Protein backbone atom coordinates (compact mmCIF):
# COMPACT_ATOMS: atom_id res chain seq x y z
CA MET A 1 -73.10 -83.12 79.91
CA THR A 2 -75.14 -80.59 81.82
CA ALA A 3 -76.93 -78.21 79.52
CA SER A 4 -80.31 -76.74 78.74
CA PRO A 5 -82.27 -76.30 75.52
CA GLN A 6 -81.09 -72.68 75.45
CA ASP A 7 -77.52 -73.73 74.78
CA GLY A 8 -75.98 -74.37 71.35
CA ALA A 9 -76.06 -78.11 72.01
CA TRP A 10 -77.52 -80.13 74.82
CA GLY A 11 -77.60 -83.77 75.79
CA GLN A 12 -79.67 -86.29 77.68
CA VAL A 13 -78.96 -89.91 78.58
CA GLU A 14 -81.56 -92.65 78.95
CA GLY A 15 -81.37 -96.41 78.68
CA GLY A 16 -77.74 -96.48 77.63
CA VAL A 17 -78.28 -93.98 74.80
CA ALA A 18 -77.09 -90.38 74.78
CA LEU A 19 -79.04 -87.97 72.57
CA LEU A 20 -77.03 -84.89 71.60
CA THR A 21 -79.21 -82.21 70.01
CA LEU A 22 -77.88 -79.22 68.10
CA PHE A 23 -80.07 -76.39 69.41
CA ARG A 24 -79.81 -73.30 67.25
CA PRO A 25 -83.06 -73.62 65.28
CA GLU A 26 -83.10 -69.93 64.37
CA LYS A 27 -79.77 -70.53 62.57
CA ARG A 28 -80.81 -73.94 61.20
CA ASN A 29 -78.37 -75.38 63.77
CA ALA A 30 -75.34 -73.83 62.07
CA LEU A 31 -72.15 -74.57 63.97
CA ASP A 32 -70.51 -71.65 65.73
CA THR A 33 -67.37 -72.02 67.85
CA ARG A 34 -69.29 -72.33 71.10
CA THR A 35 -71.52 -75.12 69.79
CA VAL A 36 -68.57 -77.07 68.39
CA ARG A 37 -66.82 -76.87 71.76
CA GLN A 38 -69.97 -78.09 73.52
CA VAL A 39 -70.32 -81.07 71.16
CA LEU A 40 -66.66 -81.98 71.61
CA LEU A 41 -66.99 -81.78 75.40
CA ALA A 42 -70.09 -83.99 75.44
CA LEU A 43 -68.46 -86.61 73.23
CA GLN A 44 -65.37 -86.59 75.42
CA GLU A 45 -67.42 -87.12 78.58
CA TRP A 46 -69.55 -89.90 77.11
CA ALA A 47 -66.60 -91.77 75.62
CA THR A 48 -65.60 -92.92 79.12
CA ASP A 49 -69.05 -93.04 80.70
CA ASP A 50 -70.14 -96.68 81.13
CA ALA A 51 -73.77 -95.53 81.32
CA VAL A 52 -73.54 -94.46 77.67
CA ARG A 53 -73.25 -97.22 75.09
CA VAL A 54 -74.53 -95.43 71.96
CA VAL A 55 -74.68 -91.75 70.96
CA VAL A 56 -77.21 -90.15 68.60
CA LEU A 57 -76.83 -86.71 67.00
CA ALA A 58 -79.95 -84.74 66.08
CA GLY A 59 -80.94 -81.23 65.11
CA GLU A 60 -83.68 -79.13 66.66
CA GLY A 61 -86.40 -77.82 64.35
CA LYS A 62 -86.65 -78.31 60.60
CA SER A 63 -82.94 -78.75 59.80
CA PHE A 64 -80.27 -81.15 60.97
CA CYS A 65 -77.37 -78.72 60.51
CA ALA A 66 -76.74 -75.91 58.01
CA GLY A 67 -72.95 -76.29 58.30
CA ALA A 68 -70.51 -73.78 59.76
CA ASP A 69 -72.02 -70.48 60.83
CA LEU A 70 -70.88 -68.07 58.10
CA THR A 71 -72.08 -65.03 60.08
CA GLU A 72 -70.27 -65.79 63.35
CA PHE A 73 -67.35 -63.44 62.76
CA ARG A 74 -69.22 -60.72 60.93
CA GLY A 75 -68.02 -57.37 62.21
CA ALA A 76 -64.62 -58.61 63.37
CA SER A 77 -61.50 -56.92 62.05
CA ALA A 78 -59.77 -58.65 59.14
CA GLY A 79 -56.93 -59.89 61.37
CA ASN A 80 -59.25 -61.18 64.08
CA GLU A 81 -61.58 -62.80 61.56
CA LYS A 82 -58.71 -64.75 60.02
CA ARG A 83 -57.51 -65.93 63.44
CA LEU A 84 -60.98 -66.87 64.68
CA LEU A 85 -61.82 -68.66 61.46
CA ALA A 86 -58.59 -70.69 61.64
CA GLU A 87 -59.38 -71.61 65.25
CA ARG A 88 -62.89 -72.77 64.38
CA THR A 89 -61.64 -74.70 61.35
CA GLU A 90 -59.24 -76.63 63.55
CA LEU A 91 -62.08 -77.37 65.98
CA LEU A 92 -64.21 -78.64 63.08
CA HIS A 93 -61.38 -80.93 61.96
CA GLU A 94 -61.16 -82.23 65.52
CA LEU A 95 -64.92 -82.79 65.60
CA VAL A 96 -64.81 -84.86 62.41
CA ARG A 97 -61.92 -86.94 63.77
CA ARG A 98 -63.78 -87.46 67.05
CA VAL A 99 -66.97 -88.61 65.34
CA GLU A 100 -65.20 -90.85 62.81
CA HIS A 101 -63.08 -92.57 65.44
CA TYR A 102 -65.53 -92.54 68.33
CA PRO A 103 -65.11 -95.65 70.50
CA LYS A 104 -68.86 -96.26 70.72
CA PRO A 105 -71.54 -96.48 68.01
CA LEU A 106 -72.59 -93.01 66.93
CA GLY A 107 -75.63 -92.36 64.78
CA ALA A 108 -77.37 -89.41 63.15
CA ALA A 109 -81.09 -88.67 63.06
CA VAL A 110 -81.28 -86.53 59.92
CA ASN A 111 -84.24 -84.21 59.64
CA GLY A 112 -84.35 -81.61 56.88
CA ALA A 113 -81.13 -80.24 55.43
CA ALA A 114 -77.63 -81.37 56.33
CA VAL A 115 -75.34 -78.94 54.51
CA GLY A 116 -71.55 -78.76 54.31
CA MET A 117 -70.22 -79.54 57.77
CA GLY A 118 -73.67 -80.81 58.73
CA ALA A 119 -73.44 -83.33 55.90
CA VAL A 120 -69.93 -84.26 57.06
CA LEU A 121 -71.27 -85.18 60.52
CA VAL A 122 -73.73 -87.53 58.82
CA LEU A 123 -70.95 -89.08 56.71
CA ALA A 124 -68.71 -89.53 59.74
CA ALA A 125 -71.40 -91.28 61.81
CA ASP A 126 -71.64 -95.07 61.98
CA PHE A 127 -75.31 -95.12 60.97
CA ALA A 128 -77.88 -92.57 59.88
CA LEU A 129 -81.66 -92.62 59.56
CA PHE A 130 -83.17 -90.02 57.24
CA GLY A 131 -86.55 -88.37 57.34
CA GLU A 132 -88.44 -88.40 54.05
CA ASN A 133 -87.54 -84.76 53.40
CA ALA A 134 -83.93 -84.97 54.58
CA ARG A 135 -81.21 -84.01 52.13
CA LEU A 136 -77.44 -83.67 51.94
CA ALA A 137 -75.72 -80.77 50.19
CA PHE A 138 -72.09 -79.86 49.57
CA PRO A 139 -72.08 -76.21 48.39
CA GLU A 140 -68.50 -75.25 49.30
CA VAL A 141 -66.98 -75.24 45.81
CA ALA A 142 -70.00 -73.44 44.36
CA ILE A 143 -69.61 -70.58 46.85
CA GLY A 144 -65.86 -70.33 46.36
CA ARG A 145 -64.58 -72.23 49.39
CA VAL A 146 -62.07 -75.07 49.41
CA PRO A 147 -63.82 -77.94 51.27
CA THR A 148 -60.86 -78.98 53.44
CA VAL A 149 -63.04 -80.45 56.19
CA VAL A 150 -65.53 -82.08 53.82
CA VAL A 151 -63.26 -83.92 51.38
CA PRO A 152 -61.66 -86.62 53.60
CA PRO A 153 -64.88 -88.12 55.04
CA LEU A 154 -66.72 -87.70 51.72
CA VAL A 155 -64.01 -89.63 49.84
CA ARG A 156 -64.05 -92.33 52.51
CA ALA A 157 -67.83 -92.59 52.28
CA VAL A 158 -68.41 -92.61 48.50
CA GLY A 159 -64.97 -92.85 46.83
CA PRO A 160 -63.05 -90.20 44.90
CA ARG A 161 -65.13 -90.11 41.70
CA GLN A 162 -68.47 -89.73 43.42
CA ALA A 163 -66.94 -87.19 45.82
CA PHE A 164 -65.65 -85.19 42.85
CA ALA A 165 -69.07 -85.23 41.18
CA LEU A 166 -70.95 -84.23 44.34
CA LEU A 167 -68.59 -81.32 45.04
CA MET A 168 -68.15 -80.02 41.50
CA GLU A 169 -71.78 -80.34 40.51
CA GLY A 170 -73.06 -79.06 43.84
CA ARG A 171 -75.56 -81.88 43.72
CA VAL A 172 -78.17 -82.21 46.46
CA LEU A 173 -78.94 -85.76 47.58
CA ASP A 174 -82.45 -86.43 48.80
CA ALA A 175 -83.18 -89.22 51.26
CA GLN A 176 -83.53 -91.91 48.60
CA GLY A 177 -80.36 -90.68 46.90
CA ALA A 178 -78.53 -90.96 50.20
CA VAL A 179 -79.70 -94.56 50.52
CA ALA A 180 -78.56 -95.28 46.96
CA HIS A 181 -75.08 -93.91 47.78
CA GLY A 182 -74.91 -95.93 50.99
CA LEU A 183 -75.04 -92.79 53.15
CA ALA A 184 -78.37 -93.52 54.85
CA SER A 185 -79.30 -96.69 56.70
CA ARG A 186 -83.00 -96.24 55.90
CA VAL A 187 -85.71 -93.62 55.42
CA VAL A 188 -88.55 -93.06 57.91
CA ASP A 189 -91.35 -90.55 58.39
CA ASP A 190 -90.04 -87.06 59.17
CA GLU A 191 -91.90 -86.97 62.47
CA GLN A 192 -90.40 -90.30 63.54
CA VAL A 193 -86.75 -89.88 62.58
CA VAL A 194 -85.45 -89.18 66.11
CA THR A 195 -87.75 -91.80 67.67
CA GLU A 196 -86.69 -94.46 65.15
CA THR A 197 -82.99 -93.61 65.46
CA LEU A 198 -83.20 -93.82 69.24
CA ALA A 199 -84.97 -97.18 68.95
CA ALA A 200 -82.14 -98.50 66.75
CA ALA A 201 -79.62 -97.12 69.23
CA ARG A 202 -81.36 -98.78 72.18
CA SER A 203 -81.17 -102.12 70.39
CA MET A 204 -77.42 -101.64 69.93
CA ALA A 205 -77.09 -100.66 73.58
CA GLN A 206 -78.29 -104.15 74.56
CA LEU A 207 -75.36 -105.82 72.79
CA ASP A 208 -72.11 -106.85 74.48
CA PRO A 209 -70.10 -103.59 74.57
CA ALA A 210 -66.76 -105.35 74.17
CA VAL A 211 -67.99 -107.15 71.05
CA VAL A 212 -69.45 -103.90 69.69
CA ARG A 213 -66.15 -102.03 70.22
CA ALA A 214 -64.14 -104.79 68.58
CA THR A 215 -66.53 -104.98 65.62
CA LYS A 216 -66.51 -101.20 65.18
CA ALA A 217 -62.70 -101.15 65.26
CA LEU A 218 -62.54 -103.97 62.70
CA ILE A 219 -64.90 -102.14 60.34
CA GLU A 220 -62.80 -98.98 60.66
CA GLU A 221 -59.62 -100.93 60.00
CA CYS A 222 -61.06 -102.60 56.90
CA SER A 223 -62.45 -99.30 55.64
CA SER A 224 -59.05 -97.63 55.96
CA ALA A 225 -57.29 -100.54 54.26
CA SER A 226 -59.69 -100.42 51.29
CA LEU A 227 -58.65 -96.83 50.54
CA GLN A 228 -54.92 -97.56 50.51
């Protein structure tokens, strides 16, 4: 992925680990169509790049990701807004599928708020380290939106009853709450969350990639079977 910090998302590869940073700090890294396309392209490239063994997602600034950008289509005509929103929604579904079924370990370095679709990216990742002030929020139902993208990975992560409670109560999970629900691997200092996540990723990058792929596939298979 060739990109610069001025883009919606940019990546860098070092020591077998690809760091993909959402870079819209003025929007709390909210996902617009362009950024989603960039993330999908990077993940596609790295999936077949032997130099990349582990991928880490991070957010620039004080938030991991504020979810979908609710202002992206402001000013568009009603017909165009509906079409553009449907297009972005399909891209978001594709992004969730790509992260959940990625062929290589994929982690999240969660700093600050991960809201809505941002929280979904955390749920879909294989592992996640949280900063002390990180939090997950699922506000869709409270603001009158059906959480079509959120529900499947949330149910897979915490089960239907906990998913129902989180969505209907609009509950915010802090870092320790995320650990208690099995959504965070561990909690670290806010200033160290990216560093610590990259260190964990580098350790994974030293493992036999064939064994890692097979283990990841087995975990995914068992997880799917447990929900049937």
